[in-house]
């Protein structure tokens, strides 16, 4: 499915970055977000661990219905860094959430399947594409011998999809507290109240 890489990154740049709440609220410019995220997404796609959902309309070219940028994250490893101060601050704030989830300690892991973006085009939302992409991680983890997958869910829709796919909450922080770490104030009453780090374990005890 490498032929879809450019299309997926273009869609993510045009729509995901517009909808993604965290970097919008923090005040990182669109140009910076696009530059930094595109570098990250290209790197993830090169690892060939991402998931893509395609339509099955017979007689027509498949259409991208969703994508999940998944990667393997090891203990004591930073997923990504940035030379841009604001974006690096954002990445470190995400690490704060991951570290408080204590997935390595609680589950006794040395690596797990992480994600850096799940996107469903507007016309396919409400059709459980997100939940199905999350559920598809089960087979991916089994194929590569991974005992857990986890993700930061930053809005209520993705949190709902995560719960539907069998993810459980490992750590939760209010947006006010999270933004306080970044010295950002936001009075958006429509904002999802909390950010969740959720996990699905396949470990046998």
Protein backbone atom coordinates (compact mmCIF):
# COMPACT_ATOMS: atom_id res chain seq x y z
CA UNK A 1 0.00 0.00 0.00
CA UNK A 2 2.99 2.34 -0.33
CA UNK A 3 1.26 3.92 -3.34
CA UNK A 4 -1.12 5.61 -0.87
CA UNK A 5 1.61 7.25 1.24
CA UNK A 6 1.59 10.65 -0.46
CA UNK A 7 -2.21 10.75 -0.56
CA UNK A 8 -2.49 9.89 3.13
CA UNK A 9 0.06 12.51 4.19
CA UNK A 10 -1.68 15.13 2.03
CA UNK A 11 -5.05 14.32 3.65
CA UNK A 12 -3.51 14.40 7.13
CA UNK A 13 -1.93 17.79 6.42
CA UNK A 14 -5.14 19.27 5.05
CA UNK A 15 -7.70 17.85 7.50
CA UNK A 16 -6.14 16.15 10.52
CA UNK A 17 -4.01 19.16 11.43
CA UNK A 18 -7.06 21.40 11.19
CA UNK A 19 -9.07 19.17 13.54
CA UNK A 20 -6.31 18.08 15.94
CA UNK A 21 -7.02 19.98 19.19
CA UNK A 22 -3.71 19.99 21.04
CA UNK A 23 -1.40 21.78 18.64
CA UNK A 24 -4.18 24.19 17.66
CA UNK A 25 -4.74 25.24 21.27
CA UNK A 26 -1.04 25.52 22.07
CA UNK A 27 -0.68 28.05 19.28
CA UNK A 28 1.84 26.28 17.07
CA UNK A 29 1.65 27.77 13.59
CA UNK A 30 0.17 25.66 10.80
CA UNK A 31 3.45 25.83 8.88
CA UNK A 32 5.39 24.43 11.86
CA UNK A 33 2.80 21.75 12.55
CA UNK A 34 2.78 20.64 8.92
CA UNK A 35 6.57 20.56 8.68
CA UNK A 36 7.08 18.63 11.92
CA UNK A 37 4.17 16.21 11.57
CA UNK A 38 4.99 15.39 7.94
CA UNK A 39 8.54 14.45 8.99
CA UNK A 40 7.13 12.20 11.70
CA UNK A 41 4.51 10.60 9.46
CA UNK A 42 7.00 9.90 6.67
CA UNK A 43 9.32 8.25 9.17
CA UNK A 44 6.49 6.11 10.55
CA UNK A 45 5.33 5.06 7.08
CA UNK A 46 8.89 4.02 6.21
CA UNK A 47 8.70 1.49 9.06
CA UNK A 48 5.78 -0.22 7.27
CA UNK A 49 3.82 -0.77 10.49
CA UNK A 50 0.90 1.58 9.82
CA UNK A 51 -2.70 0.53 9.22
CA UNK A 52 -4.90 1.70 6.36
CA UNK A 53 -8.60 1.11 5.69
CA UNK A 54 -9.66 0.97 2.02
CA UNK A 55 -13.14 0.86 0.49
CA UNK A 56 -14.24 -2.26 -1.41
CA UNK A 57 -16.48 -0.78 -4.10
CA UNK A 58 -16.17 -3.35 -6.86
CA UNK A 59 -15.27 -1.96 -10.25
CA UNK A 60 -13.77 1.19 -8.73
CA UNK A 61 -10.38 2.17 -7.43
CA UNK A 62 -10.08 1.64 -3.64
CA UNK A 63 -10.61 4.80 -1.59
CA UNK A 64 -8.80 5.55 1.67
CA UNK A 65 -11.38 5.46 4.47
CA UNK A 66 -8.94 5.81 7.34
CA UNK A 67 -5.34 5.45 8.47
CA UNK A 68 -3.54 4.86 11.75
CA UNK A 69 0.14 5.82 12.02
CA UNK A 70 1.36 3.02 14.29
CA UNK A 71 4.94 2.29 15.35
CA UNK A 72 6.82 0.23 17.91
CA UNK A 73 7.99 2.21 20.94
CA UNK A 74 10.65 0.72 23.22
CA UNK A 75 11.38 1.42 26.88
CA UNK A 76 13.59 4.47 27.52
CA UNK A 77 13.11 5.58 23.91
CA UNK A 78 11.76 8.94 22.82
CA UNK A 79 9.32 8.60 19.96
CA UNK A 80 10.38 11.87 18.32
CA UNK A 81 12.20 15.13 18.98
CA UNK A 82 12.04 18.54 17.34
CA UNK A 83 14.38 21.50 17.00
CA UNK A 84 11.39 23.85 17.11
CA UNK A 85 10.97 24.94 20.77
CA UNK A 86 7.17 25.03 20.76
CA UNK A 87 6.80 21.69 19.01
CA UNK A 88 9.42 20.10 21.26
CA UNK A 89 7.47 21.39 24.26
CA UNK A 90 4.36 19.74 22.80
CA UNK A 91 6.21 16.42 22.34
CA UNK A 92 7.51 16.53 25.91
CA UNK A 93 3.98 17.17 27.18
CA UNK A 94 2.83 14.04 25.34
CA UNK A 95 5.66 12.13 26.99
CA UNK A 96 4.43 13.36 30.38
CA UNK A 97 1.10 11.64 29.66
CA UNK A 98 2.79 8.43 28.48
CA UNK A 99 5.12 8.30 31.48
CA UNK A 100 2.24 8.75 33.91
CA UNK A 101 0.43 5.89 32.20
CA UNK A 102 3.35 3.71 33.41
CA UNK A 103 2.59 1.07 30.78
CA UNK A 104 6.08 -0.44 30.90
CA UNK A 105 5.98 -0.78 34.69
CA UNK A 106 2.36 -1.88 35.06
CA UNK A 107 2.46 -4.48 32.30
CA UNK A 108 6.11 -5.48 32.53
CA UNK A 109 6.85 -4.58 28.90
CA UNK A 110 9.98 -3.55 27.04
CA UNK A 111 8.07 -2.35 23.96
CA UNK A 112 4.54 -1.78 22.70
CA UNK A 113 2.62 -0.56 19.66
CA UNK A 114 2.13 3.21 19.82
CA UNK A 115 0.36 5.60 17.47
CA UNK A 116 1.02 9.11 16.21
CA UNK A 117 -2.26 9.95 14.54
CA UNK A 118 -5.50 8.27 13.52
CA UNK A 119 -7.46 9.89 10.72
CA UNK A 120 -10.87 9.16 9.19
CA UNK A 121 -12.10 11.42 6.33
CA UNK A 122 -15.28 13.34 7.25
CA UNK A 123 -17.46 11.36 4.82
CA UNK A 124 -16.62 8.08 6.60
CA UNK A 125 -17.04 9.25 10.18
CA UNK A 126 -19.80 7.57 12.15
CA UNK A 127 -19.21 4.24 10.39
CA UNK A 128 -16.90 2.74 13.05
CA UNK A 129 -13.83 3.09 10.83
CA UNK A 130 -11.78 4.44 13.74
CA UNK A 131 -12.84 1.62 16.06
CA UNK A 132 -12.09 -0.95 13.35
CA UNK A 133 -8.61 0.50 12.77
CA UNK A 134 -7.96 0.29 16.50
CA UNK A 135 -9.23 -3.30 16.56
CA UNK A 136 -6.96 -4.14 13.61
CA UNK A 137 -3.99 -3.54 15.91
CA UNK A 138 -4.81 -6.92 17.49
CA UNK A 139 -3.60 -8.79 14.40
CA UNK A 140 -0.62 -6.45 13.94
CA UNK A 141 0.53 -7.00 17.51
CA UNK A 142 0.07 -10.75 17.20
CA UNK A 143 2.10 -10.85 13.97
CA UNK A 144 5.04 -8.99 15.54
CA UNK A 145 4.88 -10.52 19.01
CA UNK A 146 3.82 -7.30 20.75
CA UNK A 147 1.99 -7.72 24.04
CA UNK A 148 0.19 -4.38 24.17
CA UNK A 149 -0.84 -1.30 22.25
CA UNK A 150 -1.51 2.16 23.66
CA UNK A 151 -2.44 5.61 22.44
CA UNK A 152 -3.11 9.13 23.65
CA UNK A 153 -6.74 9.97 22.85
CA UNK A 154 -7.21 13.74 22.78
CA UNK A 155 -10.93 14.05 21.97
CA UNK A 156 -14.17 12.40 23.05
CA UNK A 157 -14.76 10.75 19.67
CA UNK A 158 -11.45 8.91 19.62
CA UNK A 159 -11.88 8.05 23.31
CA UNK A 160 -15.25 6.49 22.47
CA UNK A 161 -13.69 4.51 19.61
CA UNK A 162 -10.91 3.33 21.91
CA UNK A 163 -13.35 2.08 24.51
CA UNK A 164 -15.36 0.30 21.80
CA UNK A 165 -12.17 -1.42 20.58
CA UNK A 166 -11.35 -2.72 24.07
CA UNK A 167 -8.87 -0.10 25.28
CA UNK A 168 -8.82 0.75 29.00
CA UNK A 169 -7.76 3.94 30.68
CA UNK A 170 -4.20 4.05 32.06
CA UNK A 171 -3.93 7.77 32.80
CA UNK A 172 -6.24 10.75 32.46
CA UNK A 173 -5.49 14.45 32.77
CA UNK A 174 -7.77 17.45 32.40
CA UNK A 175 -7.09 19.82 29.54
CA UNK A 176 -6.65 22.63 32.06
CA UNK A 177 -3.89 20.75 33.90
CA UNK A 178 -2.26 19.61 30.67
CA UNK A 179 -2.28 23.09 29.17
CA UNK A 180 -1.00 24.48 32.46
CA UNK A 181 2.19 22.46 31.92
CA UNK A 182 2.57 24.31 28.63
CA UNK A 183 1.69 27.71 30.12
CA UNK A 184 -1.34 27.91 27.86
CA UNK A 185 -4.82 29.05 28.86
CA UNK A 186 -7.93 28.04 26.95
CA UNK A 187 -11.55 28.87 27.68
CA UNK A 188 -13.02 26.77 24.87
CA UNK A 189 -16.17 25.35 26.44
CA UNK A 190 -16.56 22.83 23.61
CA UNK A 191 -13.19 21.23 24.29
CA UNK A 192 -13.14 17.59 25.41
CA UNK A 193 -12.68 17.74 29.17
CA UNK A 194 -9.77 15.31 29.47
CA UNK A 195 -6.94 13.65 27.57
CA UNK A 196 -6.61 9.90 28.05
CA UNK A 197 -3.74 7.47 27.66
CA UNK A 198 -5.47 4.18 26.91
CA UNK A 199 -4.07 0.69 26.53
CA UNK A 200 -5.06 -2.74 25.27
CA UNK A 201 -3.01 -5.63 26.64
CA UNK A 202 -2.62 -9.06 25.08
CA UNK A 203 -0.29 -10.30 27.78
CA UNK A 204 -1.10 -13.71 29.21
CA UNK A 205 -0.74 -14.11 32.96
